[in-house]
Protein backbone atom coordinates (compact mmCIF):
# COMPACT_ATOMS: atom_id res chain seq x y z
CA UNK A 1 -0.02 0.07 0.00
CA UNK A 2 1.44 3.23 -1.31
CA UNK A 3 2.15 6.16 1.73
CA UNK A 4 -0.57 8.57 0.21
CA UNK A 5 -3.04 5.90 0.88
CA UNK A 6 -1.80 5.31 4.24
CA UNK A 7 -1.94 9.02 4.96
CA UNK A 8 -5.79 9.31 3.58
CA UNK A 9 -6.74 6.53 5.56
CA UNK A 10 -5.04 7.82 8.69
CA UNK A 11 -6.96 11.20 8.09
CA UNK A 12 -10.38 9.36 7.44
CA UNK A 13 -9.81 7.43 10.88
CA UNK A 14 -9.23 10.30 12.70
CA UNK A 15 -12.22 12.24 11.35
CA UNK A 16 -14.28 9.02 11.76
CA UNK A 17 -13.15 8.87 15.53
CA UNK A 18 -14.28 12.35 16.32
CA UNK A 19 -17.82 12.11 14.23
CA UNK A 20 -19.80 10.32 16.69
CA UNK A 21 -19.57 12.97 19.39
CA UNK A 22 -20.97 15.56 16.81
CA UNK A 23 -24.23 13.70 15.45
CA UNK A 24 -27.73 12.82 16.69
CA UNK A 25 -29.17 9.52 15.83
CA UNK A 26 -30.74 10.54 12.53
CA UNK A 27 -27.29 12.31 11.34
CA UNK A 28 -25.21 9.26 12.56
CA UNK A 29 -28.06 7.13 10.41
CA UNK A 30 -27.01 9.21 7.26
CA UNK A 31 -23.31 8.85 8.20
CA UNK A 32 -23.93 4.98 8.43
CA UNK A 33 -25.61 4.86 5.16
CA UNK A 34 -22.63 7.04 3.60
CA UNK A 35 -20.08 4.27 4.92
CA UNK A 36 -22.28 1.30 3.43
CA UNK A 37 -22.29 3.02 -0.09
CA UNK A 38 -18.47 4.14 0.36
CA UNK A 39 -17.66 0.25 0.34
CA UNK A 40 -20.30 -0.51 -2.30
CA UNK A 41 -18.80 2.28 -4.93
CA UNK A 42 -15.19 1.45 -4.13
CA UNK A 43 -16.22 -2.26 -5.51
CA UNK A 44 -18.04 -0.99 -8.31
CA UNK A 45 -14.71 0.97 -9.17
CA UNK A 46 -12.55 -2.07 -9.26
CA UNK A 47 -14.82 -3.72 -11.81
CA UNK A 48 -15.58 -0.47 -13.90
CA UNK A 49 -12.95 1.99 -13.41
CA UNK A 50 -10.02 -0.36 -13.17
CA UNK A 51 -10.86 -3.38 -14.93
CA UNK A 52 -13.02 -1.50 -17.63
CA UNK A 53 -16.08 -4.05 -17.48
CA UNK A 54 -19.34 -2.21 -17.89
CA UNK A 55 -21.28 -4.32 -15.06
CA UNK A 56 -24.83 -3.23 -14.29
CA UNK A 57 -25.13 -6.36 -11.73
CA UNK A 58 -23.59 -4.63 -8.60
CA UNK A 59 -27.03 -3.69 -7.06
CA UNK A 60 -27.93 -7.31 -7.46
CA UNK A 61 -24.76 -8.58 -5.75
CA UNK A 62 -25.60 -6.04 -2.96
CA UNK A 63 -28.83 -7.40 -2.61
CA UNK A 64 -27.47 -11.02 -2.72
CA UNK A 65 -25.39 -10.07 0.27
CA UNK A 66 -27.80 -8.09 2.20
CA UNK A 67 -30.23 -10.95 2.05
CA UNK A 68 -27.78 -13.72 2.75
CA UNK A 69 -26.72 -11.83 5.91
CA UNK A 70 -30.41 -11.56 7.01
CA UNK A 71 -31.23 -14.74 6.21
CA UNK A 72 -28.43 -16.42 7.85
CA UNK A 73 -29.20 -14.37 11.17
CA UNK A 74 -32.95 -15.04 11.07
CA UNK A 75 -33.28 -18.64 9.97
CA UNK A 76 -29.98 -20.08 11.11
CA UNK A 77 -29.17 -18.04 14.09
CA UNK A 78 -25.74 -17.19 12.92
CA UNK A 79 -23.91 -14.00 14.71
CA UNK A 80 -23.70 -10.76 12.57
CA UNK A 81 -19.90 -10.82 11.84
CA UNK A 82 -20.11 -14.49 10.51
CA UNK A 83 -23.19 -14.04 8.48
CA UNK A 84 -21.76 -10.65 6.99
CA UNK A 85 -18.44 -12.21 5.98
CA UNK A 86 -20.37 -15.51 4.49
CA UNK A 87 -22.87 -13.07 2.48
CA UNK A 88 -20.02 -11.32 0.86
CA UNK A 89 -18.33 -14.88 0.15
CA UNK A 90 -21.95 -15.93 -1.31
CA UNK A 91 -22.00 -12.61 -3.41
CA UNK A 92 -18.51 -13.29 -4.63
CA UNK A 93 -19.10 -16.87 -5.76
CA UNK A 94 -22.05 -15.59 -7.95
CA UNK A 95 -20.19 -13.02 -9.21
CA UNK A 96 -17.40 -15.48 -10.23
CA UNK A 97 -19.98 -17.97 -11.65
CA UNK A 98 -21.75 -14.98 -13.62
CA UNK A 99 -18.16 -13.28 -14.87
CA UNK A 100 -16.85 -16.26 -16.09
CA UNK A 101 -19.41 -16.77 -19.12
CA UNK A 102 -20.13 -13.00 -18.89
CA UNK A 103 -16.52 -11.88 -19.78
CA UNK A 104 -16.59 -13.45 -23.00
CA UNK A 105 -18.66 -10.54 -24.38
CA UNK A 106 -17.73 -6.89 -24.39
CA UNK A 107 -19.24 -3.50 -24.18
CA UNK A 108 -23.20 -3.42 -24.74
CA UNK A 109 -23.44 -6.90 -24.53
CA UNK A 110 -21.77 -7.31 -21.33
CA UNK A 111 -24.27 -4.44 -20.16
CA UNK A 112 -27.10 -6.46 -21.37
CA UNK A 113 -25.90 -9.86 -19.77
CA UNK A 114 -25.48 -8.11 -16.40
CA UNK A 115 -28.72 -6.09 -16.80
CA UNK A 116 -30.32 -9.34 -17.23
CA UNK A 117 -28.77 -10.83 -14.09
CA UNK A 118 -29.88 -7.91 -12.10
CA UNK A 119 -33.37 -8.41 -12.95
CA UNK A 120 -33.17 -12.04 -12.25
CA UNK A 121 -32.11 -11.72 -8.90
CA UNK A 122 -34.78 -9.11 -8.09
CA UNK A 123 -37.27 -11.63 -9.47
CA UNK A 124 -35.71 -14.31 -7.34
CA UNK A 125 -35.69 -12.07 -4.23
CA UNK A 126 -39.44 -11.26 -4.83
CA UNK A 127 -40.86 -14.86 -5.47
CA UNK A 128 -38.57 -17.04 -3.19
CA UNK A 129 -40.82 -16.35 -0.30
CA UNK A 130 -39.97 -19.32 1.61
CA UNK A 131 -36.35 -17.79 2.21
CA UNK A 132 -36.55 -14.07 1.43
CA UNK A 133 -40.27 -13.57 2.50
CA UNK A 134 -40.91 -11.83 -0.87
CA UNK A 135 -42.86 -8.63 -1.07
CA UNK A 136 -43.54 -8.75 2.89
CA UNK A 137 -40.00 -7.97 3.35
CA UNK A 138 -37.32 -9.37 5.70
CA UNK A 139 -37.24 -7.94 9.17
CA UNK A 140 -33.34 -8.23 10.30
CA UNK A 141 -33.00 -8.73 14.00
CA UNK A 142 -30.86 -6.25 15.88
CA UNK A 143 -27.26 -7.35 15.56
CA UNK A 144 -24.71 -8.30 18.28
CA UNK A 145 -20.95 -8.46 18.37
CA UNK A 146 -19.01 -10.11 21.09
CA UNK A 147 -22.09 -9.81 23.23
CA UNK A 148 -22.38 -6.06 22.52
CA UNK A 149 -25.83 -5.29 21.20
CA UNK A 150 -25.99 -2.78 18.33
CA UNK A 151 -29.12 -0.96 19.66
CA UNK A 152 -28.56 2.60 18.41
CA UNK A 153 -27.10 4.22 15.34
CA UNK A 154 -23.98 5.18 17.30
CA UNK A 155 -23.52 1.62 18.28
CA UNK A 156 -23.91 0.56 14.93
CA UNK A 157 -21.36 3.24 13.72
CA UNK A 158 -18.63 1.45 16.01
CA UNK A 159 -19.18 -1.79 13.78
CA UNK A 160 -19.64 -0.08 10.51
CA UNK A 161 -16.88 2.37 10.52
CA UNK A 162 -13.96 0.09 10.97
CA UNK A 163 -15.26 -2.52 8.31
CA UNK A 164 -15.48 0.35 5.99
CA UNK A 165 -11.83 1.22 6.85
CA UNK A 166 -10.87 -2.18 6.34
CA UNK A 167 -12.62 -2.62 2.90
CA UNK A 168 -11.14 0.67 1.59
CA UNK A 169 -7.60 -0.49 2.96
CA UNK A 170 -8.43 -3.75 1.04
CA UNK A 171 -9.20 -1.98 -1.92
CA UNK A 172 -5.98 0.03 -1.73
CA UNK A 173 -3.92 -3.14 -1.54
CA UNK A 174 -5.62 -4.64 -4.67
CA UNK A 175 -5.23 -1.63 -6.83
CA UNK A 176 -1.48 -1.21 -6.01
CA UNK A 177 -0.60 -5.19 -6.50
CA UNK A 178 0.05 -7.24 -9.38
CA UNK A 179 -3.54 -7.98 -9.65
CA UNK A 180 -4.81 -4.51 -9.54
CA UNK A 181 -2.19 -3.31 -12.35
CA UNK A 182 -3.36 -6.37 -14.48
CA UNK A 183 -6.86 -5.03 -14.25
CA UNK A 184 -5.50 -1.48 -15.65
CA UNK A 185 -3.51 -3.41 -18.47
CA UNK A 186 -6.63 -5.49 -19.59
CA UNK A 187 -8.89 -2.37 -19.58
CA UNK A 188 -6.29 -0.32 -21.42
CA UNK A 189 -4.52 -2.65 -23.89
CA UNK A 190 -6.19 -6.10 -23.90
CA UNK A 191 -4.10 -7.38 -26.65
CA UNK A 192 -1.25 -6.41 -24.93
CA UNK A 193 -1.92 -8.22 -21.63
CA UNK A 194 -2.77 -11.35 -23.78
CA UNK A 195 0.67 -11.31 -25.38
CA UNK A 196 2.30 -10.86 -22.09
CA UNK A 197 1.11 -14.09 -20.74
CA UNK A 198 -2.08 -12.67 -18.76
CA UNK A 199 -5.12 -14.61 -18.99
CA UNK A 200 -7.33 -11.92 -19.73
CA UNK A 201 -10.60 -14.11 -19.09
CA UNK A 202 -9.59 -15.07 -15.51
CA UNK A 203 -8.66 -11.53 -14.68
CA UNK A 204 -11.90 -10.15 -15.72
CA UNK A 205 -13.54 -13.05 -13.84
CA UNK A 206 -11.48 -12.08 -10.93
CA UNK A 207 -12.67 -8.70 -11.17
CA UNK A 208 -16.26 -9.39 -11.06
CA UNK A 209 -15.75 -11.60 -8.05
CA UNK A 210 -13.92 -8.98 -6.00
CA UNK A 211 -16.19 -6.37 -6.82
CA UNK A 212 -19.29 -8.51 -6.06
CA UNK A 213 -17.47 -9.35 -2.52
CA UNK A 214 -17.60 -5.69 -1.81
CA UNK A 215 -21.23 -5.38 -2.86
CA UNK A 216 -22.05 -8.24 -0.43
CA UNK A 217 -20.29 -6.76 2.51
CA UNK A 218 -22.19 -3.48 1.82
CA UNK A 219 -25.34 -5.17 1.32
CA UNK A 220 -24.87 -6.94 4.86
CA UNK A 221 -23.93 -3.85 6.43
CA UNK A 222 -27.24 -2.18 4.79
CA UNK A 223 -29.23 -4.92 6.03
CA UNK A 224 -28.23 -4.22 9.67
CA UNK A 225 -28.34 -0.31 9.27
CA UNK A 226 -31.99 -0.07 8.08
CA UNK A 227 -33.34 -3.33 9.87
CA UNK A 228 -35.85 -4.28 7.07
CA UNK A 229 -35.18 -5.29 3.23
CA UNK A 230 -37.23 -5.61 0.35
CA UNK A 231 -36.40 -6.91 -3.22
CA UNK A 232 -37.04 -3.56 -5.22
CA UNK A 233 -34.31 -1.83 -3.16
CA UNK A 234 -31.68 -3.48 -5.08
CA UNK A 235 -33.23 -2.63 -8.73
CA UNK A 236 -32.41 -0.39 -11.43
CA UNK A 237 -32.62 2.86 -9.33
CA UNK A 238 -29.96 1.39 -7.15
CA UNK A 239 -27.77 0.41 -9.68
CA UNK A 240 -28.03 4.06 -11.56
CA UNK A 241 -27.28 5.70 -8.13
CA UNK A 242 -24.18 3.76 -7.46
CA UNK A 243 -22.92 4.43 -11.21
CA UNK A 244 -23.72 8.08 -10.47
CA UNK A 245 -21.35 7.63 -7.42
CA UNK A 246 -18.68 6.26 -9.34
CA UNK A 247 -19.10 8.70 -12.47
CA UNK A 248 -19.20 11.71 -10.28
CA UNK A 249 -16.08 10.90 -8.15
CA UNK A 250 -13.89 9.80 -10.91
CA UNK A 251 -13.39 6.45 -12.47
CA UNK A 252 -10.26 4.35 -11.56
CA UNK A 253 -9.84 6.18 -8.49
CA UNK A 254 -10.51 5.00 -4.70
CA UNK A 255 -10.54 8.69 -3.67
CA UNK A 256 -12.96 9.44 -6.19
CA UNK A 257 -15.62 6.60 -5.42
CA UNK A 258 -15.37 7.69 -1.61
CA UNK A 259 -16.34 11.53 -2.64
CA UNK A 260 -19.02 10.49 -5.00
CA UNK A 261 -20.50 8.08 -2.55
CA UNK A 262 -20.57 10.82 0.17
CA UNK A 263 -21.93 13.44 -2.19
CA UNK A 264 -24.90 11.30 -3.87
CA UNK A 265 -25.70 9.71 -0.37
CA UNK A 266 -26.19 13.26 1.00
CA UNK A 267 -28.11 14.54 -2.15
CA UNK A 268 -31.20 13.26 -1.00
CA UNK A 269 -31.10 15.02 2.46
CA UNK A 270 -30.10 18.41 0.66
CA UNK A 271 -33.34 17.99 -1.48
CA UNK A 272 -35.69 16.49 1.33
CA UNK A 273 -38.31 19.61 0.82
CA UNK A 274 -38.17 18.91 -2.94
CA UNK A 275 -38.58 15.24 -3.51
CA UNK A 276 -39.64 16.10 -7.36
CA UNK A 277 -36.34 17.51 -8.09
CA UNK A 278 -34.20 14.42 -7.00
CA UNK A 279 -34.45 12.72 -10.31
CA UNK A 280 -33.81 15.91 -12.23
CA UNK A 281 -30.67 16.68 -9.95
CA UNK A 282 -29.31 12.99 -10.94
CA UNK A 283 -29.75 13.70 -14.77
CA UNK A 284 -28.10 17.23 -14.43
CA UNK A 285 -25.16 15.97 -12.53
CA UNK A 286 -24.58 13.46 -15.17
CA UNK A 287 -24.82 15.98 -17.88
CA UNK A 288 -22.30 18.37 -15.96
CA UNK A 289 -19.88 15.37 -15.61
CA UNK A 290 -19.99 14.35 -19.01
CA UNK A 291 -19.36 17.80 -20.45
CA UNK A 292 -17.25 19.67 -17.84
CA UNK A 293 -15.83 16.82 -15.66
CA UNK A 294 -15.42 13.62 -17.70
CA UNK A 295 -12.73 12.31 -15.34
CA UNK A 296 -14.97 13.23 -12.34
CA UNK A 297 -14.12 15.54 -9.42
CA UNK A 298 -10.76 13.83 -8.71
CA UNK A 299 -10.01 14.41 -12.39
CA UNK A 300 -10.97 18.18 -11.81
CA UNK A 301 -8.87 18.29 -8.49
CA UNK A 302 -5.83 16.99 -10.34
CA UNK A 303 -6.01 19.33 -13.08
CA UNK A 304 -6.03 22.31 -10.50
CA UNK A 305 -3.05 20.74 -8.65
CA UNK A 306 -5.18 19.78 -5.56
CA UNK A 307 -4.38 16.31 -5.87
CA UNK A 308 -1.24 14.58 -6.98
CA UNK A 309 -1.39 13.05 -10.48
CA UNK A 310 -0.78 9.08 -10.25
CA UNK A 311 1.82 7.34 -12.25
CA UNK A 312 1.11 4.24 -14.35
CA UNK A 313 2.82 1.16 -13.00
CA UNK A 314 3.63 -1.76 -15.27
CA UNK A 315 1.89 -4.64 -14.09
CA UNK A 316 4.11 -7.15 -15.29
CA UNK A 317 7.44 -5.54 -13.68
CA UNK A 318 5.88 -4.12 -10.61
CA UNK A 319 8.01 -1.16 -11.18
CA UNK A 320 7.19 2.44 -12.14
CA UNK A 321 8.39 3.40 -15.64
CA UNK A 322 11.56 4.86 -16.06
CA UNK A 323 12.37 8.54 -17.21
CA UNK A 324 12.30 8.43 -21.04
CA UNK A 325 15.66 9.41 -22.61
CA UNK A 326 16.18 12.04 -25.26
CA UNK A 327 16.25 9.58 -27.89
CA UNK A 328 12.95 8.18 -29.31
CA UNK A 329 11.78 5.01 -27.86
CA UNK A 330 9.03 2.61 -29.43
CA UNK A 331 6.02 2.25 -27.09
CA UNK A 332 5.59 -1.00 -25.45
CA UNK A 333 2.04 -1.33 -26.80
CA UNK A 334 3.36 -0.55 -30.40
CA UNK A 335 5.76 -3.60 -30.30
CA UNK A 336 2.84 -5.94 -29.40
CA UNK A 337 0.66 -4.36 -32.16
CA UNK A 338 3.32 -4.69 -34.46
CA UNK A 339 4.28 -8.15 -33.71
CA UNK A 340 0.60 -9.36 -34.00
CA UNK A 341 0.36 -7.59 -37.30
CA UNK A 342 3.30 -9.37 -38.68
CA UNK A 343 2.07 -12.63 -37.56
CA UNK A 344 -1.33 -11.84 -39.06
CA UNK A 345 0.46 -11.37 -42.29
CA UNK A 346 2.27 -14.55 -42.23
């Protein structure tokens, strides 16, 4: 993990330690929901921003994690933390099973496959009444951790906050590892990645599974924060909301995902007295981002010099690129494409 990420985490922990002393119950509930969506947005950014896979199934994975956590607590009597972890693992397994065949298609076709999965999961959550209780909803019991009952919003924060910090730290470790840099290489130059021995399909499937795990953990946290689950809470509206978080904050940036998640989570509260304006606000924000901030808020801050620019790291050598010499050099990607062209011409 880089020094900058560690410093940001330290600053976040310091702010988080003081925050409960400044909030009432309702404000603390909003803070808890922001933390939940931070985990979800960071996971979506892994598959969308870093791996470059247009997945619309993130809300479905979040629903799987939420219902898995709730059902394990209600029907099996499992404690909250084991149920949360198992819910994330179940979501990751579904993501892997879906990811292996889905990554064989690209672009809009991949989007259609993942949209179909989202609707399929919503249908199962609605009609599998013996397990999910269907349209009647699932009442999630008040969780307890090591004998301490999380009865209030401040109590839940004591669990939600460290889990959110741990998930963000995990995401930072992933994107700075060889796997994370493989995500970036597959996103930018898929042919070059394949020519260098990367199993492109496996890398994409891993991105789906890891992203689904983050969504599953976020879903489990969401379940205990709201205390009641309904199937339509993880449909298209939820997916659009999470996409807005990532696009507004900035693709391919953990900091951007956090900023976008906080802003979009607070937007309904800012427009509480103008419910009719919420959907309009989402649309206007997306237009403004596309026209004026194609790289999101983080991209704008980097242009203004308020955030340091990140250097691309070679995912194969695990080193920063060397300073270019005065003599012209052939780009690595050009060598790969030239080699491929020569082979095709033989």
